[in-house]
Amino acid sequence: MSRITDVVILTSTSEDPDDDGAYPAINWINAQLRGSGNIAPVHEHAGGTKSMGSYVFAAGLNHVDLEWLGSQIFHAPWVDPASVQAFYKEEESERFVPFDGAIV
C-alpha cells in the first residue's frame, strides 16, 4: 500500500538553475531519497506572459519520513539557504504545512 506525500520547495532566483544554483541541492536531496521518488522543477510550466520570479520544485513521494526529509532539504547545499521554503501535504490532509525550518 502506498502513502503519498506531496512536497513543494520554493527558492529565490539567487538559486539560478542556469548557473546550476538550485539543481545541485535538488540532486543532492534526490540522491538521499533512495527510491521514494524524485523532486523535479515545475516553475517552467507556470502560465502567464512572464517568467516566475522564483523557482519551484515539487514531488509526490511514497513512504517518506517527513522529519528526515525536512532535515535533508535544509541541509542541502543551497546557494542562498535563507531563501528556501518547503511545504508538504500528506495523502489524507487538506492543506500544505511548512517543514520545520521553513520560512513562512
Protein backbone atom coordinates (compact mmCIF):
# COMPACT_ATOMS: atom_id res chain seq x y z
CA MET A 1 0.00 0.00 0.00
CA SER A 2 1.28 3.47 -0.81
CA ARG A 3 1.46 6.53 1.41
CA ILE A 4 1.96 9.56 -0.82
CA THR A 5 3.26 12.89 0.45
CA ASP A 6 3.24 15.95 -1.81
CA VAL A 7 6.31 18.17 -1.39
CA VAL A 8 6.85 21.71 -2.70
CA ILE A 9 10.15 23.60 -2.41
CA LEU A 10 10.41 27.29 -3.33
CA THR A 11 13.64 29.22 -3.75
CA SER A 12 14.63 32.71 -4.79
CA THR A 13 16.14 33.48 -8.17
CA SER A 14 19.56 33.54 -6.49
CA GLU A 15 19.29 29.74 -6.82
CA ASP A 16 19.59 30.23 -10.59
CA PRO A 17 19.19 26.90 -12.44
CA ASP A 18 21.08 28.32 -15.44
CA ASP A 19 24.11 28.64 -13.18
CA ASP A 20 23.44 25.25 -11.56
CA GLY A 21 22.40 27.05 -8.35
CA ALA A 22 19.39 25.05 -7.18
CA TYR A 23 19.96 21.89 -9.16
CA PRO A 24 22.94 20.58 -7.17
CA ALA A 25 20.87 20.96 -3.99
CA ILE A 26 17.84 19.23 -5.55
CA ASN A 27 20.04 16.46 -6.99
CA TRP A 28 21.65 16.01 -3.57
CA ILE A 29 18.23 15.65 -1.94
CA ASN A 30 17.09 13.21 -4.66
CA ALA A 31 20.18 11.04 -4.05
CA GLN A 32 19.24 10.86 -0.36
CA LEU A 33 15.66 9.74 -1.16
CA ARG A 34 16.84 6.30 -2.34
CA GLY A 35 13.83 5.24 -4.37
CA SER A 36 10.98 7.17 -2.75
CA GLY A 37 10.71 9.40 -5.83
CA ASN A 38 12.39 12.47 -7.26
CA ILE A 39 11.87 16.18 -6.74
CA ALA A 40 11.61 17.99 -10.09
CA PRO A 41 11.44 21.61 -11.31
CA VAL A 42 7.90 22.78 -12.13
CA HIS A 43 8.37 26.56 -12.48
CA GLU A 44 8.95 26.17 -16.23
CA HIS A 45 5.31 25.03 -16.56
CA ALA A 46 3.70 28.10 -14.97
CA GLY A 47 1.31 30.15 -17.07
CA GLY A 48 1.38 33.86 -17.74
CA THR A 49 3.32 36.12 -20.06
CA LYS A 50 6.39 36.44 -17.82
CA SER A 51 8.77 34.01 -16.17
CA MET A 52 8.26 33.35 -12.49
CA GLY A 53 10.47 35.33 -10.10
CA SER A 54 11.18 32.22 -8.06
CA TYR A 55 11.95 28.57 -8.67
CA VAL A 56 9.50 25.87 -7.68
CA PHE A 57 10.30 22.18 -7.27
CA ALA A 58 7.74 19.51 -6.46
CA ALA A 59 7.23 15.78 -5.98
CA GLY A 60 4.80 13.13 -4.89
CA LEU A 61 6.92 10.90 -2.65
CA ASN A 62 5.99 7.45 -1.38
CA HIS A 63 6.66 6.34 2.21
CA VAL A 64 9.00 9.21 3.08
CA ASP A 65 10.00 10.10 6.63
CA LEU A 66 8.98 13.76 6.91
CA GLU A 67 11.36 14.66 9.74
CA TRP A 68 14.24 13.15 7.79
CA LEU A 69 13.21 14.85 4.52
CA GLY A 70 12.90 18.25 6.19
CA SER A 71 16.41 17.82 7.54
CA GLN A 72 17.71 16.87 4.07
CA ILE A 73 16.03 19.89 2.47
CA PHE A 74 17.50 22.38 4.91
CA HIS A 75 20.97 20.78 4.92
CA ALA A 76 21.25 20.62 1.12
CA PRO A 77 23.98 22.76 -0.50
CA TRP A 78 21.80 25.77 -1.39
CA VAL A 79 23.40 28.95 -2.76
CA ASP A 80 21.02 31.07 -0.62
CA PRO A 81 19.69 28.84 2.21
CA ALA A 82 17.66 31.68 3.74
CA SER A 83 15.52 31.84 0.58
CA VAL A 84 14.39 28.21 0.76
CA GLN A 85 10.83 27.44 1.80
CA ALA A 86 9.46 23.90 1.88
CA PHE A 87 5.97 22.53 2.43
CA TYR A 88 4.33 19.12 2.48
CA LYS A 89 0.83 17.66 2.35
CA GLU A 90 0.18 14.12 3.44
CA GLU A 91 -2.27 11.99 1.49
CA GLU A 92 -5.11 12.39 3.99
CA SER A 93 -4.57 16.11 4.60
CA GLU A 94 -6.40 19.06 3.06
CA ARG A 95 -3.58 21.63 3.38
CA PHE A 96 0.14 22.06 2.92
CA VAL A 97 2.16 22.79 6.05
CA PRO A 98 5.76 24.02 6.34
CA PHE A 99 8.62 21.71 7.18
CA ASP A 100 10.41 22.68 10.38
CA GLY A 101 12.97 25.28 9.39
CA ALA A 102 10.87 26.69 6.54
CA ILE A 103 10.47 30.44 6.32
CA VAL A 104 6.76 31.23 6.31
